[in-house]
């Protein structure tokens, strides 16, 4: 969905929206790279050895992305 917003930013020549999209995508990627993910992604990483400590529920995962995005937006 960030790519859809980025395309809209391009069409509208909206630099602020493009900046937001870049930061949103970066926040998502960095959150997962830091080891915070939902169960479906954890299964891809850990396979059948996935344990409860390997993943977050959806709400907690979105909260982690929100924290990362807020940090990027304030920088």
Protein backbone atom coordinates (compact mmCIF):
# COMPACT_ATOMS: atom_id res chain seq x y z
CA UNK A 1 0.00 0.00 0.00
CA UNK A 2 2.92 2.37 0.46
CA UNK A 3 3.77 1.85 -3.22
CA UNK A 4 0.23 2.88 -4.18
CA UNK A 5 0.58 6.07 -2.15
CA UNK A 6 4.00 6.68 -3.69
CA UNK A 7 2.52 6.44 -7.16
CA UNK A 8 -0.21 8.90 -6.18
CA UNK A 9 2.52 11.25 -4.90
CA UNK A 10 4.31 10.98 -8.23
CA UNK A 11 1.16 11.67 -10.24
CA UNK A 12 0.27 14.66 -8.08
CA UNK A 13 3.86 15.87 -7.73
CA UNK A 14 3.29 15.79 -3.98
CA UNK A 15 6.73 15.83 -2.32
CA UNK A 16 5.32 15.62 1.22
CA UNK A 17 3.37 12.44 0.40
CA UNK A 18 6.41 10.96 -1.37
CA UNK A 19 8.54 11.64 1.72
CA UNK A 20 5.91 10.02 3.96
CA UNK A 21 5.81 6.95 1.69
CA UNK A 22 9.58 6.55 1.79
CA UNK A 23 9.60 6.77 5.57
CA UNK A 24 6.65 4.40 5.94
CA UNK A 25 8.33 1.78 3.77
CA UNK A 26 11.61 2.24 5.62
CA UNK A 27 9.81 1.88 8.97
CA UNK A 28 8.21 -1.40 7.85
CA UNK A 29 11.44 -2.87 6.53
CA UNK A 30 13.54 -1.83 9.52
CA UNK A 31 10.95 -3.17 11.96
CA UNK A 32 11.10 -6.61 10.35
CA UNK A 33 14.89 -6.49 10.02
CA UNK A 34 15.07 -5.78 13.77
CA UNK A 35 13.22 -9.06 14.36
CA UNK A 36 9.70 -7.78 14.97
CA UNK A 37 7.19 -9.56 12.76
CA UNK A 38 3.86 -11.31 12.63
CA UNK A 39 3.52 -15.08 12.79
CA UNK A 40 3.28 -15.56 9.02
CA UNK A 41 6.66 -13.87 8.52
CA UNK A 42 8.17 -15.67 11.50
CA UNK A 43 7.21 -19.00 9.93
CA UNK A 44 9.06 -17.96 6.75
CA UNK A 45 12.15 -17.18 8.83
CA UNK A 46 12.06 -19.97 11.42
CA UNK A 47 10.04 -22.65 9.64
CA UNK A 48 8.55 -25.35 11.82
CA UNK A 49 10.79 -24.20 14.70
CA UNK A 50 8.81 -20.96 15.16
CA UNK A 51 8.19 -20.17 18.81
CA UNK A 52 5.85 -17.61 20.39
CA UNK A 53 8.79 -15.31 21.19
CA UNK A 54 9.57 -15.07 17.45
CA UNK A 55 6.47 -13.06 16.57
CA UNK A 56 4.05 -10.33 17.64
CA UNK A 57 0.30 -10.16 17.28
CA UNK A 58 -0.92 -7.78 14.59
CA UNK A 59 -1.68 -4.89 16.96
CA UNK A 60 1.76 -5.07 18.61
CA UNK A 61 3.45 -5.30 15.21
CA UNK A 62 1.61 -2.21 13.97
CA UNK A 63 2.57 -0.41 17.19
CA UNK A 64 6.24 -1.20 16.49
CA UNK A 65 5.92 0.18 12.96
CA UNK A 66 4.18 3.26 14.36
CA UNK A 67 7.04 3.86 16.82
CA UNK A 68 9.63 3.51 14.07
CA UNK A 69 7.66 5.76 11.71
CA UNK A 70 7.27 8.45 14.39
CA UNK A 71 11.01 8.38 14.93
CA UNK A 72 11.70 8.73 11.20
CA UNK A 73 9.14 11.51 10.81
CA UNK A 74 10.69 13.55 13.62
CA UNK A 75 14.22 13.25 12.25
